[in-house]
Amino acid sequence: MRSTASFFNVVVAVVPDGDDRNGYESIAMRFAHLICILTVTCVATFAQETLPFNDAFETAAKDSERSATHPDVETPVARMMSLAYTDGLPAFDRVEIYAVSSLQRDPFGDEESRPRARGRTFPVRPYGTQADIHAHATVTGKGCQDLRTAWQALAFDRHGGAFCHYPAYGLRFYRDNQLFFETTICWKCRNFYLPTYDNEQRRFESSWHGFANDENAGNLLALLQRLSPHPQLDEDRRNDG
């Protein structure tokens, strides 16, 4: 701000009082000189300082550098999208909770996706499979706030739990009757799926996101069981007890 003020002060100081052609030519020369000085100064300043923001769609590394051993290589857009479905999950006024189960799947096998089960199913989108629905509940009001609080309390790990997925619950989050998030949750591998954007293919897809095996993870499962009891989990608990 001080440099800008000094610049305008100098310009005002050289303005002549009369209609003097030579005076205006002098003004033009001085003005051009000041512009050159200001340009060089700005270029030198930006060359020494790192810009605070990158292009939102610029990849963090070359595509050739992407590999499974470098999981931190992703775009800023991917990081912002994952935040929107984890710590930054927005408020919702309705959630559909589905108690589900699916056959165990070898993550390293070449088996084809199993056909859709008969009856009601819930999609497990990263696998392209369907989970069987055993029970369903619609939750509104305080239950939505409780679920959002429990969800945001999870210790999210965006690179965790990608080797298996045996979902216990499927969730659909709504706001003003608009679906904005759908996922299935597994407590064995502690993961769920969320939408991501493939910058190379220029399309949206689904990928895994993990969470820690801690007290908050147990609290979320207990809350879901209270809101929509899971018949298989209850049966397993009786058999174990």
C-alpha atoms as a PDB file:
ATOM      1  CA  MET A   1       0.000   0.000   0.000  1.00  0.00           C
ATOM      2  CA  ARG A   2       2.884   2.415   0.759  1.00  0.00           C
ATOM      3  CA  SER A   3       4.462   1.807  -2.672  1.00  0.00           C
ATOM      4  CA  THR A   4       1.137   2.403  -4.407  1.00  0.00           C
ATOM      5  CA  ALA A   5       0.545   5.637  -2.496  1.00  0.00           C
ATOM      6  CA  SER A   6       4.039   6.900  -3.313  1.00  0.00           C
ATOM      7  CA  PHE A   7       3.467   6.081  -6.955  1.00  0.00           C
ATOM      8  CA  PHE A   8       0.281   8.167  -7.143  1.00  0.00           C
ATOM      9  CA  ASN A   9       1.881  11.014  -5.193  1.00  0.00           C
ATOM     10  CA  VAL A  10       4.671  11.256  -7.743  1.00  0.00           C
ATOM     11  CA  VAL A  11       2.183  11.261 -10.648  1.00  0.00           C
ATOM     12  CA  VAL A  12       0.137  14.056  -9.078  1.00  0.00           C
ATOM     13  CA  ALA A  13       3.271  16.088  -8.351  1.00  0.00           C
ATOM     14  CA  VAL A  14       4.335  16.243 -12.008  1.00  0.00           C
ATOM     15  CA  VAL A  15       0.981  17.424 -13.415  1.00  0.00           C
ATOM     16  CA  PRO A  16       1.461  20.968 -14.857  1.00  0.00           C
ATOM     17  CA  ASP A  17      -0.899  23.787 -14.192  1.00  0.00           C
ATOM     18  CA  GLY A  18      -1.083  25.111 -17.751  1.00  0.00           C
ATOM     19  CA  ASP A  19      -1.533  23.755 -21.263  1.00  0.00           C
ATOM     20  CA  ASP A  20       2.140  23.017 -21.771  1.00  0.00           C
ATOM     21  CA  ARG A  21       2.906  20.490 -24.529  1.00  0.00           C
ATOM     22  CA  ASN A  22       6.417  19.974 -23.248  1.00  0.00           C
ATOM     23  CA  GLY A  23       5.021  19.528 -19.784  1.00  0.00           C
ATOM     24  CA  TYR A  24       2.695  16.749 -20.894  1.00  0.00           C
ATOM     25  CA  GLU A  25       5.503  15.075 -22.830  1.00  0.00           C
ATOM     26  CA  SER A  26       7.511  15.193 -19.646  1.00  0.00           C
ATOM     27  CA  ILE A  27       4.592  13.652 -17.763  1.00  0.00           C
ATOM     28  CA  ALA A  28       4.364  10.830 -20.306  1.00  0.00           C
ATOM     29  CA  MET A  29       8.062  10.089 -20.012  1.00  0.00           C
ATOM     30  CA  ARG A  30       7.981  10.118 -16.211  1.00  0.00           C
ATOM     31  CA  PHE A  31       4.812   8.019 -16.131  1.00  0.00           C
ATOM     32  CA  ALA A  32       6.340   5.414 -18.457  1.00  0.00           C
ATOM     33  CA  HIS A  33       9.460   5.375 -16.323  1.00  0.00           C
ATOM     34  CA  LEU A  34       7.421   4.783 -13.168  1.00  0.00           C
ATOM     35  CA  ILE A  35       5.444   1.983 -14.826  1.00  0.00           C
ATOM     36  CA  CYS A  36       8.701   0.231 -15.736  1.00  0.00           C
ATOM     37  CA  ILE A  37      10.010   0.544 -12.171  1.00  0.00           C
ATOM     38  CA  LEU A  38       6.729  -0.747 -10.709  1.00  0.00           C
ATOM     39  CA  THR A  39       6.637  -3.708 -13.125  1.00  0.00           C
ATOM     40  CA  VAL A  40      10.196  -4.768 -12.366  1.00  0.00           C
ATOM     41  CA  THR A  41       9.534  -4.468  -8.634  1.00  0.00           C
ATOM     42  CA  CYS A  42       6.396  -6.647  -8.797  1.00  0.00           C
ATOM     43  CA  VAL A  43       8.090  -9.317 -10.895  1.00  0.00           C
ATOM     44  CA  ALA A  44      11.026  -9.470  -8.498  1.00  0.00           C
ATOM     45  CA  THR A  45       8.700  -9.720  -5.500  1.00  0.00           C
ATOM     46  CA  PHE A  46       6.595 -12.557  -6.910  1.00  0.00           C
ATOM     47  CA  ALA A  47       9.723 -14.380  -8.034  1.00  0.00           C
ATOM     48  CA  GLN A  48      10.934 -14.499  -4.437  1.00  0.00           C
ATOM     49  CA  GLU A  49       7.636 -15.498  -2.810  1.00  0.00           C
ATOM     50  CA  THR A  50       5.596 -18.680  -3.274  1.00  0.00           C
ATOM     51  CA  LEU A  51       2.062 -18.101  -4.460  1.00  0.00           C
ATOM     52  CA  PRO A  52      -0.411 -19.071  -1.716  1.00  0.00           C
ATOM     53  CA  PHE A  53      -2.770 -21.029  -3.984  1.00  0.00           C
ATOM     54  CA  ASN A  54      -2.269 -23.453  -6.836  1.00  0.00           C
ATOM     55  CA  ASP A  55      -4.584 -24.173  -9.708  1.00  0.00           C
ATOM     56  CA  ALA A  56      -7.394 -26.252  -8.181  1.00  0.00           C
ATOM     57  CA  PHE A  57      -7.228 -28.732 -11.072  1.00  0.00           C
ATOM     58  CA  GLU A  58      -3.445 -28.939 -11.227  1.00  0.00           C
ATOM     59  CA  THR A  59      -2.082 -32.376 -10.298  1.00  0.00           C
ATOM     60  CA  ALA A  60       0.324 -32.539  -7.394  1.00  0.00           C
ATOM     61  CA  ALA A  61       2.798 -34.574  -9.433  1.00  0.00           C
ATOM     62  CA  LYS A  62       3.278 -35.941 -12.914  1.00  0.00           C
ATOM     63  CA  ASP A  63       1.088 -38.879 -13.891  1.00  0.00           C
ATOM     64  CA  SER A  64       4.208 -41.011 -14.282  1.00  0.00           C
ATOM     65  CA  GLU A  65       4.923 -40.467 -10.579  1.00  0.00           C
ATOM     66  CA  ARG A  66       1.598 -41.858  -9.452  1.00  0.00           C
ATOM     67  CA  SER A  67       1.841 -45.311  -7.898  1.00  0.00           C
ATOM     68  CA  ALA A  68       0.474 -47.338  -5.013  1.00  0.00           C
ATOM     69  CA  THR A  69       3.621 -46.611  -3.034  1.00  0.00           C
ATOM     70  CA  HIS A  70       3.000 -42.868  -3.238  1.00  0.00           C
ATOM     71  CA  PRO A  71      -0.536 -42.534  -1.838  1.00  0.00           C
ATOM     72  CA  ASP A  72      -0.118 -38.853  -0.980  1.00  0.00           C
ATOM     73  CA  VAL A  73      -0.027 -37.874  -4.655  1.00  0.00           C
ATOM     74  CA  GLU A  74      -3.482 -36.476  -5.426  1.00  0.00           C
ATOM     75  CA  THR A  75      -5.074 -33.304  -6.644  1.00  0.00           C
ATOM     76  CA  PRO A  76      -6.318 -30.508  -4.368  1.00  0.00           C
ATOM     77  CA  VAL A  77      -9.791 -31.208  -5.765  1.00  0.00           C
ATOM     78  CA  ALA A  78      -9.621 -34.795  -4.458  1.00  0.00           C
ATOM     79  CA  ARG A  79      -8.614 -33.565  -1.025  1.00  0.00           C
ATOM     80  CA  MET A  80     -11.476 -31.057  -0.924  1.00  0.00           C
ATOM     81  CA  MET A  81     -14.006 -33.665  -2.089  1.00  0.00           C
ATOM     82  CA  SER A  82     -12.951 -36.150   0.584  1.00  0.00           C
ATOM     83  CA  LEU A  83     -13.229 -33.419   3.227  1.00  0.00           C
ATOM     84  CA  ALA A  84     -16.813 -32.708   2.152  1.00  0.00           C
ATOM     85  CA  TYR A  85     -17.821 -36.293   3.004  1.00  0.00           C
ATOM     86  CA  THR A  86     -15.745 -36.745   6.157  1.00  0.00           C
ATOM     87  CA  ASP A  87     -14.922 -34.001   8.679  1.00  0.00           C
ATOM     88  CA  GLY A  88     -16.908 -31.449   6.693  1.00  0.00           C
ATOM     89  CA  LEU A  89     -20.052 -33.538   6.139  1.00  0.00           C
ATOM     90  CA  PRO A  90     -22.848 -30.960   5.780  1.00  0.00           C
ATOM     91  CA  ALA A  91     -26.046 -31.023   7.795  1.00  0.00           C
ATOM     92  CA  PHE A  92     -28.852 -33.256   6.511  1.00  0.00           C
ATOM     93  CA  ASP A  93     -32.513 -33.564   7.435  1.00  0.00           C
ATOM     94  CA  ARG A  94     -33.083 -37.217   6.507  1.00  0.00           C
ATOM     95  CA  VAL A  95     -30.981 -40.345   6.369  1.00  0.00           C
ATOM     96  CA  GLU A  96     -32.005 -43.758   5.103  1.00  0.00           C
ATOM     97  CA  ILE A  97     -30.217 -46.492   7.057  1.00  0.00           C
ATOM     98  CA  TYR A  98     -29.971 -49.995   5.597  1.00  0.00           C
ATOM     99  CA  ALA A  99     -28.717 -53.025   7.518  1.00  0.00           C
ATOM    100  CA  VAL A 100     -26.848 -54.980   4.833  1.00  0.00           C
ATOM    101  CA  SER A 101     -24.435 -57.843   4.248  1.00  0.00           C
ATOM    102  CA  SER A 102     -22.513 -59.204   1.272  1.00  0.00           C
ATOM    103  CA  LEU A 103     -20.449 -62.252   0.412  1.00  0.00           C
ATOM    104  CA  GLN A 104     -16.783 -62.097   1.268  1.00  0.00           C
ATOM    105  CA  ARG A 105     -14.676 -61.100  -1.718  1.00  0.00           C
ATOM    106  CA  ASP A 106     -10.997 -61.707  -2.407  1.00  0.00           C
ATOM    107  CA  PRO A 107      -9.549 -58.230  -3.141  1.00  0.00           C
ATOM    108  CA  PHE A 108      -6.611 -59.803  -4.998  1.00  0.00           C
ATOM    109  CA  GLY A 109      -8.649 -62.310  -7.006  1.00  0.00           C
ATOM    110  CA  ASP A 110      -9.815 -62.004 -10.609  1.00  0.00           C
ATOM    111  CA  GLU A 111     -13.335 -63.197  -9.885  1.00  0.00           C
ATOM    112  CA  GLU A 112     -16.154 -61.451 -11.675  1.00  0.00           C
ATOM    113  CA  SER A 113     -18.644 -59.442  -9.693  1.00  0.00           C
ATOM    114  CA  ARG A 114     -21.357 -61.693  -8.350  1.00  0.00           C
ATOM    115  CA  PRO A 115     -24.843 -61.206  -9.844  1.00  0.00           C
ATOM    116  CA  ARG A 116     -27.331 -59.068  -8.056  1.00  0.00           C
ATOM    117  CA  ALA A 117     -29.123 -60.820  -5.231  1.00  0.00           C
ATOM    118  CA  ARG A 118     -32.835 -61.300  -5.400  1.00  0.00           C
ATOM    119  CA  GLY A 119     -34.942 -58.875  -3.436  1.00  0.00           C
ATOM    120  CA  ARG A 120     -33.811 -55.536  -2.098  1.00  0.00           C
ATOM    121  CA  THR A 121     -30.158 -54.639  -2.477  1.00  0.00           C
ATOM    122  CA  PHE A 122     -27.786 -51.738  -1.813  1.00  0.00           C
ATOM    123  CA  PRO A 123     -24.934 -50.888  -4.217  1.00  0.00           C
ATOM    124  CA  VAL A 124     -21.280 -51.327  -3.233  1.00  0.00           C
ATOM    125  CA  ARG A 125     -20.102 -49.083  -6.027  1.00  0.00           C
ATOM    126  CA  PRO A 126     -16.298 -49.524  -6.011  1.00  0.00           C
ATOM    127  CA  TYR A 127     -16.802 -53.293  -6.437  1.00  0.00           C
ATOM    128  CA  GLY A 128     -19.735 -52.980  -8.803  1.00  0.00           C
ATOM    129  CA  THR A 129     -21.684 -55.407  -6.588  1.00  0.00           C
ATOM    130  CA  GLN A 130     -24.845 -55.398  -4.519  1.00  0.00           C
ATOM    131  CA  ALA A 131     -25.311 -56.029  -0.799  1.00  0.00           C
ATOM    132  CA  ASP A 132     -28.424 -57.715   0.566  1.00  0.00           C
ATOM    133  CA  ILE A 133     -30.736 -55.512   2.635  1.00  0.00           C
ATOM    134  CA  HIS A 134     -32.003 -57.084   5.893  1.00  0.00           C
ATOM    135  CA  ALA A 135     -33.638 -54.051   7.518  1.00  0.00           C
ATOM    136  CA  HIS A 136     -34.316 -50.404   6.781  1.00  0.00           C
ATOM    137  CA  ALA A 137     -35.097 -47.311   8.837  1.00  0.00           C
ATOM    138  CA  THR A 138     -35.769 -43.658   7.981  1.00  0.00           C
ATOM    139  CA  VAL A 139     -34.310 -41.181  10.463  1.00  0.00           C
ATOM    140  CA  THR A 140     -35.122 -37.462  10.765  1.00  0.00           C
ATOM    141  CA  GLY A 141     -34.862 -34.759  13.402  1.00  0.00           C
ATOM    142  CA  LYS A 142     -32.468 -35.256  16.309  1.00  0.00           C
ATOM    143  CA  GLY A 143     -31.330 -38.615  14.977  1.00  0.00           C
ATOM    144  CA  CYS A 144     -29.742 -36.847  11.992  1.00  0.00           C
ATOM    145  CA  GLN A 145     -27.769 -34.524  14.251  1.00  0.00           C
ATOM    146  CA  ASP A 146     -26.641 -37.433  16.420  1.00  0.00           C
ATOM    147  CA  LEU A 147     -25.487 -39.370  13.366  1.00  0.00           C
ATOM    148  CA  ARG A 148     -23.667 -36.383  11.897  1.00  0.00           C
ATOM    149  CA  THR A 149     -21.865 -35.771  15.199  1.00  0.00           C
ATOM    150  CA  ALA A 150     -20.839 -39.444  15.445  1.00  0.00           C
ATOM    151  CA  TRP A 151     -19.682 -39.456  11.821  1.00  0.00           C
ATOM    152  CA  GLN A 152     -17.543 -36.336  12.149  1.00  0.00           C
ATOM    153  CA  ALA A 153     -15.979 -37.742  15.341  1.00  0.00           C
ATOM    154  CA  LEU A 154     -14.322 -40.569  13.371  1.00  0.00           C
ATOM    155  CA  ALA A 155     -10.551 -40.429  12.945  1.00  0.00           C
ATOM    156  CA  PHE A 156     -10.524 -40.499   9.146  1.00  0.00           C
ATOM    157  CA  ASP A 157      -7.650 -42.029   7.197  1.00  0.00           C
ATOM    158  CA  ARG A 158      -7.975 -41.430   3.483  1.00  0.00           C
ATOM    159  CA  HIS A 159      -5.493 -44.209   2.634  1.00  0.00           C
ATOM    160  CA  GLY A 160      -6.672 -46.836   5.088  1.00  0.00           C
ATOM    161  CA  GLY A 161      -8.643 -50.066   4.739  1.00  0.00           C
ATOM    162  CA  ALA A 162      -8.679 -50.586   0.984  1.00  0.00           C
ATOM    163  CA  PHE A 163      -8.106 -54.358   0.918  1.00  0.00           C
ATOM    164  CA  CYS A 164     -11.571 -55.641   1.838  1.00  0.00           C
ATOM    165  CA  HIS A 165     -15.102 -54.450   2.388  1.00  0.00           C
ATOM    166  CA  TYR A 166     -17.806 -56.423   4.194  1.00  0.00           C
ATOM    167  CA  PRO A 167     -20.472 -53.775   4.742  1.00  0.00           C
ATOM    168  CA  ALA A 168     -22.745 -53.815   7.765  1.00  0.00           C
ATOM    169  CA  TYR A 169     -24.694 -50.676   6.891  1.00  0.00           C
ATOM    170  CA  GLY A 170     -25.602 -48.642   3.839  1.00  0.00           C
ATOM    171  CA  LEU A 171     -26.453 -44.968   4.237  1.00  0.00           C
ATOM    172  CA  ARG A 172     -28.151 -42.364   2.055  1.00  0.00           C
ATOM    173  CA  PHE A 173     -28.023 -38.745   3.218  1.00  0.00           C
ATOM    174  CA  TYR A 174     -30.659 -36.250   2.065  1.00  0.00           C
ATOM    175  CA  ARG A 175     -31.171 -32.529   2.378  1.00  0.00           C
ATOM    176  CA  ASP A 176     -34.409 -30.960   1.113  1.00  0.00           C
ATOM    177  CA  ASN A 177     -35.232 -34.342  -0.488  1.00  0.00           C
ATOM    178  CA  GLN A 178     -32.005 -34.225  -2.499  1.00  0.00           C
ATOM    179  CA  LEU A 179     -29.606 -37.147  -2.150  1.00  0.00           C
ATOM    180  CA  PHE A 180     -26.054 -35.836  -1.709  1.00  0.00           C
ATOM    181  CA  PHE A 181     -24.119 -38.796  -0.281  1.00  0.00           C
ATOM    182  CA  GLU A 182     -24.441 -42.571  -0.461  1.00  0.00           C
ATOM    183  CA  THR A 183     -22.064 -45.111   1.058  1.00  0.00           C
ATOM    184  CA  THR A 184     -21.631 -48.499   2.715  1.00  0.00           C
ATOM    185  CA  ILE A 185     -19.560 -48.952   5.885  1.00  0.00           C
ATOM    186  CA  CYS A 186     -17.391 -51.896   6.935  1.00  0.00           C
ATOM    187  CA  TRP A 187     -16.089 -52.285  10.505  1.00  0.00           C
ATOM    188  CA  LYS A 188     -13.826 -55.247   9.694  1.00  0.00           C
ATOM    189  CA  CYS A 189     -11.587 -53.254   7.378  1.00  0.00           C
ATOM    190  CA  ARG A 190     -12.857 -49.936   8.744  1.00  0.00           C
ATOM    191  CA  ASN A 191     -13.677 -48.247   5.465  1.00  0.00           C
ATOM    192  CA  PHE A 192     -16.447 -46.757   3.368  1.00  0.00           C
ATOM    193  CA  TYR A 193     -16.688 -45.374  -0.146  1.00  0.00           C
ATOM    194  CA  LEU A 194     -17.112 -41.820  -1.312  1.00  0.00           C
ATOM    195  CA  PRO A 195     -17.238 -40.071  -4.713  1.00  0.00           C
ATOM    196  CA  THR A 196     -13.956 -39.017  -6.306  1.00  0.00           C
ATOM    197  CA  TYR A 197     -13.019 -37.363  -9.574  1.00  0.00           C
ATOM    198  CA  ASP A 198     -10.683 -39.101 -12.022  1.00  0.00           C
ATOM    199  CA  ASN A 199      -8.767 -36.225 -13.587  1.00  0.00           C
ATOM    200  CA  GLU A 200      -7.318 -38.450 -16.324  1.00  0.00           C
ATOM    201  CA  GLN A 201     -10.641 -39.992 -17.395  1.00  0.00           C
ATOM    202  CA  ARG A 202     -12.580 -36.783 -16.668  1.00  0.00           C
ATOM    203  CA  ARG A 203     -15.318 -38.622 -14.795  1.00  0.00           C
ATOM    204  CA  PHE A 204     -16.627 -39.257 -11.298  1.00  0.00           C
ATOM    205  CA  GLU A 205     -16.176 -42.637  -9.645  1.00  0.00           C
ATOM    206  CA  SER A 206     -16.095 -44.146  -6.144  1.00  0.00           C
ATOM    207  CA  SER A 207     -13.087 -44.976  -3.992  1.00  0.00           C
ATOM    208  CA  TRP A 208     -12.337 -46.212  -0.472  1.00  0.00           C
ATOM    209  CA  HIS A 209     -11.711 -44.058   2.568  1.00  0.00           C
ATOM    210  CA  GLY A 210     -10.688 -45.421   5.966  1.00  0.00           C
ATOM    211  CA  PHE A 211     -11.164 -44.629   9.639  1.00  0.00           C
ATOM    212  CA  ALA A 212      -9.386 -45.671  12.826  1.00  0.00           C
ATOM    213  CA  ASN A 213     -10.465 -48.603  14.987  1.00  0.00           C
ATOM    214  CA  ASP A 214     -11.170 -46.624  18.127  1.00  0.00           C
ATOM    215  CA  GLU A 215     -13.957 -45.777  20.554  1.00  0.00           C
ATOM    216  CA  ASN A 216     -15.588 -43.348  18.118  1.00  0.00           C
ATOM    217  CA  ALA A 217     -15.871 -46.069  15.482  1.00  0.00           C
ATOM    218  CA  GLY A 218     -17.619 -48.270  18.035  1.00  0.00           C
ATOM    219  CA  ASN A 219     -19.930 -45.422  18.998  1.00  0.00           C
ATOM    220  CA  LEU A 220     -21.018 -44.966  15.372  1.00  0.00           C
ATOM    221  CA  LEU A 221     -21.804 -48.669  15.022  1.00  0.00           C
ATOM    222  CA  ALA A 222     -23.757 -48.654  18.302  1.00  0.00           C
ATOM    223  CA  LEU A 223     -25.766 -45.624  17.162  1.00  0.00           C
ATOM    224  CA  LEU A 224     -26.633 -47.245  13.828  1.00  0.00           C
ATOM    225  CA  GLN A 225     -27.686 -50.430  15.599  1.00  0.00           C
ATOM    226  CA  ARG A 226     -29.946 -48.375  17.853  1.00  0.00           C
ATOM    227  CA  LEU A 227     -31.477 -46.442  14.937  1.00  0.00           C
ATOM    228  CA  SER A 228     -31.813 -49.499  12.689  1.00  0.00           C
ATOM    229  CA  PRO A 229     -31.169 -52.856  14.435  1.00  0.00           C
ATOM    230  CA  HIS A 230     -29.159 -55.297  12.314  1.00  0.00           C
ATOM    231  CA  PRO A 231     -30.624 -58.831  12.573  1.00  0.00           C
ATOM    232  CA  GLN A 232     -27.391 -60.557  11.566  1.00  0.00           C
ATOM    233  CA  LEU A 233     -25.216 -58.592  13.971  1.00  0.00           C
ATOM    234  CA  ASP A 234     -27.686 -59.290  16.778  1.00  0.00           C
ATOM    235  CA  GLU A 235     -27.652 -63.000  15.904  1.00  0.00           C
ATOM    236  CA  ASP A 236     -23.839 -63.082  15.845  1.00  0.00           C
ATOM    237  CA  ARG A 237     -23.777 -61.379  19.253  1.00  0.00           C
ATOM    238  CA  ARG A 238     -26.177 -63.961  20.702  1.00  0.00           C
ATOM    239  CA  ASN A 239     -24.100 -66.817  19.271  1.00  0.00           C
ATOM    240  CA  ASP A 240     -20.893 -65.326  20.673  1.00  0.00           C
ATOM    241  CA  GLY A 241     -22.492 -64.727  24.045  1.00  0.00           C
END
